[in-house]
Amino acid sequence: MTTTVTPVSDPAALAASVRALACRAHKALNESATHPAELRSLLQQARGLRAQVQDWPSDDLPHWLEHVQRRLENA
């Protein structure tokens, strides 16, 4: 699955990407039979979003994305 990285200049699209990641990651991390390709796709998406928001004035979203990335790496 190819993930498109949304420019931060489009806050609505960024929010939609974060929500989509949250939903997919929650499902993947709570299912016992998640396909490794899905985990890789989610990890790639989390890394891309983290790269976009690394210089944000607030640490909340970058911190959450880092947490999601770690959980996916350990799944």
N, C-alpha and C. Protein backbone atom coordinates (compact mmCIF):
# COMPACT_ATOMS: atom_id res chain seq x y z
N MET A 1 0.83 -1.17 0.00
CA MET A 1 0.00 0.00 0.00
C MET A 1 0.88 1.24 0.00
N THR A 2 0.65 2.17 -0.90
CA THR A 2 1.41 3.39 -0.98
C THR A 2 0.75 4.45 -0.12
N THR A 3 1.55 5.14 0.69
CA THR A 3 1.03 6.17 1.57
C THR A 3 1.46 7.52 1.05
N THR A 4 0.51 8.42 0.92
CA THR A 4 0.82 9.77 0.49
C THR A 4 1.04 10.64 1.71
N VAL A 5 2.15 11.35 1.73
CA VAL A 5 2.44 12.25 2.83
C VAL A 5 1.79 13.59 2.53
N THR A 6 0.97 14.07 3.46
CA THR A 6 0.21 15.29 3.28
C THR A 6 1.03 16.49 3.73
N PRO A 7 1.11 17.55 2.90
CA PRO A 7 1.83 18.73 3.32
C PRO A 7 1.17 19.37 4.54
N VAL A 8 1.97 19.88 5.46
CA VAL A 8 1.44 20.51 6.66
C VAL A 8 0.63 21.75 6.29
N SER A 9 0.86 22.29 5.11
CA SER A 9 0.11 23.47 4.68
C SER A 9 -1.37 23.17 4.49
N ASP A 10 -1.75 21.90 4.53
CA ASP A 10 -3.15 21.51 4.40
C ASP A 10 -3.58 20.83 5.70
N PRO A 11 -3.99 21.63 6.70
CA PRO A 11 -4.31 21.06 8.01
C PRO A 11 -5.44 20.04 7.99
N ALA A 12 -6.44 20.25 7.15
CA ALA A 12 -7.56 19.30 7.11
C ALA A 12 -7.09 17.94 6.59
N ALA A 13 -6.26 17.94 5.58
CA ALA A 13 -5.75 16.69 5.03
C ALA A 13 -4.81 16.01 6.03
N LEU A 14 -4.01 16.80 6.73
CA LEU A 14 -3.12 16.24 7.74
C LEU A 14 -3.94 15.59 8.86
N ALA A 15 -4.99 16.28 9.30
CA ALA A 15 -5.85 15.73 10.35
C ALA A 15 -6.50 14.42 9.88
N ALA A 16 -6.94 14.39 8.64
CA ALA A 16 -7.54 13.17 8.09
C ALA A 16 -6.52 12.03 8.06
N SER A 17 -5.28 12.34 7.70
CA SER A 17 -4.22 11.32 7.67
C SER A 17 -3.93 10.78 9.07
N VAL A 18 -3.91 11.67 10.05
CA VAL A 18 -3.66 11.25 11.43
C VAL A 18 -4.81 10.39 11.93
N ARG A 19 -6.04 10.79 11.65
CA ARG A 19 -7.20 9.98 12.06
C ARG A 19 -7.17 8.61 11.41
N ALA A 20 -6.85 8.57 10.13
CA ALA A 20 -6.79 7.28 9.42
C ALA A 20 -5.71 6.39 10.03
N LEU A 21 -4.56 6.96 10.32
CA LEU A 21 -3.49 6.19 10.96
C LEU A 21 -3.95 5.68 12.32
N ALA A 22 -4.59 6.53 13.09
CA ALA A 22 -5.05 6.13 14.43
C ALA A 22 -6.01 4.95 14.35
N CYS A 23 -6.95 5.02 13.44
CA CYS A 23 -7.94 3.94 13.29
C CYS A 23 -7.28 2.64 12.85
N ARG A 24 -6.44 2.73 11.82
CA ARG A 24 -5.78 1.53 11.30
C ARG A 24 -4.81 0.94 12.32
N ALA A 25 -4.05 1.80 13.00
CA ALA A 25 -3.08 1.31 13.98
C ALA A 25 -3.79 0.65 15.16
N HIS A 26 -4.86 1.25 15.63
CA HIS A 26 -5.62 0.67 16.73
C HIS A 26 -6.11 -0.73 16.37
N LYS A 27 -6.66 -0.85 15.19
CA LYS A 27 -7.16 -2.15 14.74
C LYS A 27 -6.01 -3.15 14.61
N ALA A 28 -4.92 -2.73 13.98
CA ALA A 28 -3.79 -3.64 13.76
C ALA A 28 -3.14 -4.07 15.07
N LEU A 29 -3.02 -3.15 16.01
CA LEU A 29 -2.34 -3.47 17.26
C LEU A 29 -3.21 -4.29 18.21
N ASN A 30 -4.50 -4.31 17.96
CA ASN A 30 -5.40 -5.07 18.83
C ASN A 30 -5.89 -6.37 18.22
N GLU A 31 -5.44 -6.69 17.03
CA GLU A 31 -5.76 -7.96 16.40
C GLU A 31 -4.55 -8.87 16.48
N SER A 32 -4.80 -10.12 16.72
CA SER A 32 -3.68 -11.05 16.86
C SER A 32 -3.11 -11.49 15.51
N ALA A 33 -3.86 -11.32 14.44
CA ALA A 33 -3.42 -11.83 13.14
C ALA A 33 -3.25 -10.71 12.11
N THR A 34 -2.60 -9.63 12.51
CA THR A 34 -2.37 -8.54 11.57
C THR A 34 -1.25 -8.94 10.61
N HIS A 35 -1.47 -8.74 9.33
CA HIS A 35 -0.48 -9.09 8.31
C HIS A 35 0.74 -8.18 8.44
N PRO A 36 1.95 -8.75 8.34
CA PRO A 36 3.17 -7.95 8.43
C PRO A 36 3.22 -6.78 7.43
N ALA A 37 2.64 -6.96 6.25
CA ALA A 37 2.63 -5.88 5.26
C ALA A 37 1.81 -4.69 5.76
N GLU A 38 0.74 -4.96 6.49
CA GLU A 38 -0.08 -3.88 7.06
C GLU A 38 0.71 -3.13 8.12
N LEU A 39 1.44 -3.87 8.95
CA LEU A 39 2.27 -3.22 9.97
C LEU A 39 3.35 -2.35 9.33
N ARG A 40 3.97 -2.85 8.26
CA ARG A 40 4.99 -2.07 7.56
C ARG A 40 4.39 -0.80 6.96
N SER A 41 3.21 -0.92 6.38
CA SER A 41 2.53 0.22 5.79
C SER A 41 2.21 1.28 6.85
N LEU A 42 1.71 0.83 7.98
CA LEU A 42 1.40 1.75 9.08
C LEU A 42 2.66 2.41 9.61
N LEU A 43 3.72 1.65 9.73
CA LEU A 43 4.98 2.19 10.21
C LEU A 43 5.50 3.26 9.25
N GLN A 44 5.41 3.00 7.96
CA GLN A 44 5.83 3.97 6.96
C GLN A 44 4.99 5.25 7.06
N GLN A 45 3.70 5.08 7.25
CA GLN A 45 2.82 6.25 7.37
C GLN A 45 3.15 7.05 8.63
N ALA A 46 3.39 6.36 9.74
CA ALA A 46 3.73 7.05 10.99
C ALA A 46 5.04 7.82 10.84
N ARG A 47 6.02 7.20 10.20
CA ARG A 47 7.31 7.88 9.98
C ARG A 47 7.15 9.12 9.10
N GLY A 48 6.34 8.99 8.05
CA GLY A 48 6.11 10.12 7.16
C GLY A 48 5.42 11.28 7.87
N LEU A 49 4.43 10.96 8.67
CA LEU A 49 3.74 12.01 9.42
C LEU A 49 4.65 12.65 10.46
N ARG A 50 5.47 11.84 11.11
CA ARG A 50 6.43 12.40 12.09
C ARG A 50 7.38 13.36 11.42
N ALA A 51 7.84 13.02 10.22
CA ALA A 51 8.76 13.90 9.50
C ALA A 51 8.10 15.23 9.18
N GLN A 52 6.80 15.19 8.90
CA GLN A 52 6.07 16.42 8.57
C GLN A 52 5.93 17.35 9.75
N VAL A 53 5.77 16.80 10.94
CA VAL A 53 5.45 17.64 12.11
C VAL A 53 6.61 17.75 13.09
N GLN A 54 7.79 17.37 12.68
CA GLN A 54 8.93 17.36 13.61
C GLN A 54 9.26 18.74 14.15
N ASP A 55 8.96 19.80 13.41
CA ASP A 55 9.29 21.16 13.86
C ASP A 55 8.08 21.93 14.38
N TRP A 56 7.02 21.22 14.71
CA TRP A 56 5.83 21.88 15.25
C TRP A 56 6.13 22.50 16.59
N PRO A 57 5.47 23.63 16.90
CA PRO A 57 5.70 24.27 18.19
C PRO A 57 5.17 23.43 19.36
N SER A 58 4.17 22.60 19.12
CA SER A 58 3.63 21.73 20.15
C SER A 58 4.23 20.34 19.98
N ASP A 59 4.52 19.68 21.08
CA ASP A 59 5.10 18.35 21.03
C ASP A 59 4.06 17.23 21.05
N ASP A 60 2.79 17.58 21.20
CA ASP A 60 1.76 16.56 21.39
C ASP A 60 1.67 15.58 20.21
N LEU A 61 1.48 16.09 19.01
CA LEU A 61 1.34 15.20 17.85
C LEU A 61 2.64 14.46 17.54
N PRO A 62 3.79 15.14 17.50
CA PRO A 62 5.03 14.38 17.26
C PRO A 62 5.26 13.29 18.31
N HIS A 63 4.93 13.59 19.57
CA HIS A 63 5.11 12.60 20.64
C HIS A 63 4.17 11.41 20.43
N TRP A 64 2.91 11.67 20.08
CA TRP A 64 1.95 10.60 19.84
C TRP A 64 2.41 9.74 18.66
N LEU A 65 2.87 10.37 17.60
CA LEU A 65 3.34 9.63 16.43
C LEU A 65 4.55 8.78 16.77
N GLU A 66 5.44 9.29 17.60
CA GLU A 66 6.59 8.51 18.04
C GLU A 66 6.14 7.28 18.83
N HIS A 67 5.15 7.47 19.69
CA HIS A 67 4.61 6.37 20.48
C HIS A 67 3.99 5.31 19.57
N VAL A 68 3.20 5.73 18.60
CA VAL A 68 2.58 4.80 17.66
C VAL A 68 3.66 4.06 16.89
N GLN A 69 4.68 4.79 16.44
CA GLN A 69 5.76 4.16 15.68
C GLN A 69 6.44 3.09 16.53
N ARG A 70 6.73 3.38 17.77
CA ARG A 70 7.38 2.38 18.65
C ARG A 70 6.51 1.14 18.82
N ARG A 71 5.21 1.37 19.04
CA ARG A 71 4.30 0.23 19.22
C ARG A 71 4.25 -0.63 17.96
N LEU A 72 4.24 0.01 16.80
CA LEU A 72 4.21 -0.75 15.55
C LEU A 72 5.52 -1.52 15.34
N GLU A 73 6.63 -0.91 15.71
CA GLU A 73 7.94 -1.58 15.56
C GLU A 73 8.01 -2.81 16.46
N ASN A 74 7.34 -2.76 17.59
CA ASN A 74 7.38 -3.87 18.55
C ASN A 74 6.25 -4.87 18.38
N ALA A 75 5.39 -4.64 17.40
CA ALA A 75 4.24 -5.55 17.19
C ALA A 75 4.69 -6.83 16.51
